Amino acid sequence: MNIMKIKRNYILLVLIMPITYRTKEQRINEVKPIIQKLSELKIKASEHEEIRELLQKIQVYIHQGERIEINIPFPIADVDIVGVLATDVKERVYMKFTRHND
């Protein structure tokens, strides 16, 4: 089997496969570790506008079920908050702090 045939079959498979959406309960369970980590690091929304913005996006994700890509600068720690709040169960939900590339 040549590479082009494999790629074509993969593309067809991706296009044909249905999206399985997370339920509201699953979305809540996916963001719990993120909120717990913020709490563990003692990062409070009352003290940081960036965390308030993140929590607002998490609320939209939970209640409306929208896929949200996160990229919020967090200058006080010289990092960006990046991640994905995914609605498809095959896609990973994650959040991480990444250092600025200067």
C-alpha atoms as a PDB file:
ATOM      1  CA  MET A   1       0.000   0.000   0.000  1.00  0.00           C
ATOM      2  CA  ASN A   2       1.507   3.327  -0.926  1.00  0.00           C
ATOM      3  CA  ILE A   3       1.564   6.480   1.213  1.00  0.00           C
ATOM      4  CA  MET A   4      -0.949   8.405  -0.903  1.00  0.00           C
ATOM      5  CA  LYS A   5      -3.538   5.650  -0.537  1.00  0.00           C
ATOM      6  CA  ILE A   6      -3.003   5.539   3.223  1.00  0.00           C
ATOM      7  CA  LYS A   7      -3.396   9.331   3.507  1.00  0.00           C
ATOM      8  CA  ARG A   8      -6.540   9.291   1.360  1.00  0.00           C
ATOM      9  CA  ASN A   9      -8.051   6.500   3.484  1.00  0.00           C
ATOM     10  CA  TYR A  10      -7.194   8.389   6.682  1.00  0.00           C
ATOM     11  CA  ILE A  11      -8.800  11.580   5.370  1.00  0.00           C
ATOM     12  CA  LEU A  12     -11.932   9.677   4.373  1.00  0.00           C
ATOM     13  CA  LEU A  13     -12.070   8.018   7.778  1.00  0.00           C
ATOM     14  CA  VAL A  14     -11.767  11.370   9.555  1.00  0.00           C
ATOM     15  CA  LEU A  15     -14.501  12.885   7.386  1.00  0.00           C
ATOM     16  CA  ILE A  16     -16.852   9.954   7.885  1.00  0.00           C
ATOM     17  CA  MET A  17     -16.411   9.471  11.639  1.00  0.00           C
ATOM     18  CA  PRO A  18     -19.169  11.195  13.597  1.00  0.00           C
ATOM     19  CA  ILE A  19     -18.370  13.607  16.399  1.00  0.00           C
ATOM     20  CA  THR A  20     -19.400  12.385  19.827  1.00  0.00           C
ATOM     21  CA  TYR A  21     -20.101  15.405  22.000  1.00  0.00           C
ATOM     22  CA  ARG A  22     -19.415  15.514  25.723  1.00  0.00           C
ATOM     23  CA  THR A  23     -22.423  15.820  27.992  1.00  0.00           C
ATOM     24  CA  LYS A  24     -22.659  18.680  30.458  1.00  0.00           C
ATOM     25  CA  GLU A  25     -21.641  16.295  33.250  1.00  0.00           C
ATOM     26  CA  GLN A  26     -18.579  15.179  31.272  1.00  0.00           C
ATOM     27  CA  ARG A  27     -17.598  18.815  30.607  1.00  0.00           C
ATOM     28  CA  ILE A  28     -17.848  19.571  34.330  1.00  0.00           C
ATOM     29  CA  ASN A  29     -15.658  16.559  35.131  1.00  0.00           C
ATOM     30  CA  GLU A  30     -13.102  17.631  32.506  1.00  0.00           C
ATOM     31  CA  VAL A  31     -12.601  21.097  34.033  1.00  0.00           C
ATOM     32  CA  LYS A  32     -12.515  20.013  37.693  1.00  0.00           C
ATOM     33  CA  PRO A  33      -8.771  19.219  37.596  1.00  0.00           C
ATOM     34  CA  ILE A  34      -8.078  22.654  36.074  1.00  0.00           C
ATOM     35  CA  ILE A  35      -9.986  24.429  38.839  1.00  0.00           C
ATOM     36  CA  GLN A  36      -8.401  22.214  41.501  1.00  0.00           C
ATOM     37  CA  LYS A  37      -4.918  23.030  40.182  1.00  0.00           C
ATOM     38  CA  LEU A  38      -5.631  26.771  40.289  1.00  0.00           C
ATOM     39  CA  SER A  39      -6.810  26.341  43.873  1.00  0.00           C
ATOM     40  CA  GLU A  40      -3.739  24.267  44.742  1.00  0.00           C
ATOM     41  CA  LEU A  41      -1.487  26.994  43.301  1.00  0.00           C
ATOM     42  CA  LYS A  42      -3.480  29.598  45.285  1.00  0.00           C
ATOM     43  CA  ILE A  43      -4.311  31.565  42.134  1.00  0.00           C
ATOM     44  CA  LYS A  44      -7.524  33.466  42.848  1.00  0.00           C
ATOM     45  CA  ALA A  45      -9.929  35.008  40.368  1.00  0.00           C
ATOM     46  CA  SER A  46     -10.533  37.867  42.794  1.00  0.00           C
ATOM     47  CA  GLU A  47      -6.883  38.890  42.439  1.00  0.00           C
ATOM     48  CA  HIS A  48      -6.285  38.308  38.716  1.00  0.00           C
ATOM     49  CA  GLU A  49      -8.370  39.513  35.770  1.00  0.00           C
ATOM     50  CA  GLU A  50      -6.807  36.802  33.573  1.00  0.00           C
ATOM     51  CA  ILE A  51      -8.129  34.054  35.839  1.00  0.00           C
ATOM     52  CA  ARG A  52     -11.587  35.656  35.803  1.00  0.00           C
ATOM     53  CA  GLU A  53     -11.440  35.551  32.000  1.00  0.00           C
ATOM     54  CA  LEU A  54     -10.420  31.881  32.107  1.00  0.00           C
ATOM     55  CA  LEU A  55     -13.256  31.008  34.491  1.00  0.00           C
ATOM     56  CA  GLN A  56     -15.763  32.844  32.272  1.00  0.00           C
ATOM     57  CA  LYS A  57     -14.595  30.763  29.301  1.00  0.00           C
ATOM     58  CA  ILE A  58     -14.926  27.612  31.394  1.00  0.00           C
ATOM     59  CA  GLN A  59     -18.509  28.623  32.271  1.00  0.00           C
ATOM     60  CA  VAL A  60     -19.368  29.097  28.591  1.00  0.00           C
ATOM     61  CA  TYR A  61     -17.821  25.706  27.848  1.00  0.00           C
ATOM     62  CA  ILE A  62     -19.837  23.967  30.564  1.00  0.00           C
ATOM     63  CA  HIS A  63     -23.200  25.632  29.941  1.00  0.00           C
ATOM     64  CA  GLN A  64     -23.193  26.112  26.162  1.00  0.00           C
ATOM     65  CA  GLY A  65     -20.993  23.212  25.100  1.00  0.00           C
ATOM     66  CA  GLU A  66     -18.797  25.292  22.794  1.00  0.00           C
ATOM     67  CA  ARG A  67     -15.250  24.224  21.883  1.00  0.00           C
ATOM     68  CA  ILE A  68     -12.947  26.952  23.196  1.00  0.00           C
ATOM     69  CA  GLU A  69      -9.267  27.495  22.526  1.00  0.00           C
ATOM     70  CA  ILE A  70      -7.563  29.324  25.378  1.00  0.00           C
ATOM     71  CA  ASN A  71      -4.667  31.736  24.943  1.00  0.00           C
ATOM     72  CA  ILE A  72      -4.587  34.264  27.755  1.00  0.00           C
ATOM     73  CA  PRO A  73      -1.426  36.232  28.599  1.00  0.00           C
ATOM     74  CA  PHE A  74      -0.673  36.111  32.336  1.00  0.00           C
ATOM     75  CA  PRO A  75       2.100  38.715  32.663  1.00  0.00           C
ATOM     76  CA  ILE A  76       2.416  38.632  36.441  1.00  0.00           C
ATOM     77  CA  ALA A  77       3.910  35.125  36.121  1.00  0.00           C
ATOM     78  CA  ASP A  78       5.485  35.771  32.689  1.00  0.00           C
ATOM     79  CA  VAL A  79       3.431  32.971  31.129  1.00  0.00           C
ATOM     80  CA  ASP A  80       0.508  32.424  28.787  1.00  0.00           C
ATOM     81  CA  ILE A  81      -2.413  30.240  29.780  1.00  0.00           C
ATOM     82  CA  VAL A  82      -3.032  28.009  26.765  1.00  0.00           C
ATOM     83  CA  GLY A  83      -5.280  25.042  26.192  1.00  0.00           C
ATOM     84  CA  VAL A  84      -8.389  23.608  24.644  1.00  0.00           C
ATOM     85  CA  LEU A  85     -11.803  23.008  26.119  1.00  0.00           C
ATOM     86  CA  ALA A  86     -12.923  20.352  23.652  1.00  0.00           C
ATOM     87  CA  THR A  87     -16.476  19.176  23.055  1.00  0.00           C
ATOM     88  CA  ASP A  88     -15.562  16.035  21.082  1.00  0.00           C
ATOM     89  CA  VAL A  89     -14.787  13.093  23.374  1.00  0.00           C
ATOM     90  CA  LYS A  90     -11.922  12.072  21.064  1.00  0.00           C
ATOM     91  CA  GLU A  91     -10.129  15.373  21.659  1.00  0.00           C
ATOM     92  CA  ARG A  92      -8.193  16.046  24.850  1.00  0.00           C
ATOM     93  CA  VAL A  93      -9.200  18.850  27.232  1.00  0.00           C
ATOM     94  CA  TYR A  94      -6.114  20.522  28.655  1.00  0.00           C
ATOM     95  CA  MET A  95      -4.773  23.722  30.119  1.00  0.00           C
ATOM     96  CA  LYS A  96      -1.144  24.676  30.744  1.00  0.00           C
ATOM     97  CA  PHE A  97       1.103  27.595  31.552  1.00  0.00           C
ATOM     98  CA  THR A  98       3.704  28.270  28.865  1.00  0.00           C
ATOM     99  CA  ARG A  99       6.652  30.619  29.172  1.00  0.00           C
ATOM    100  CA  HIS A 100       6.849  33.651  26.886  1.00  0.00           C
ATOM    101  CA  ASN A 101       9.192  33.227  23.962  1.00  0.00           C
ATOM    102  CA  ASP A 102      11.248  36.423  23.920  1.00  0.00           C
END
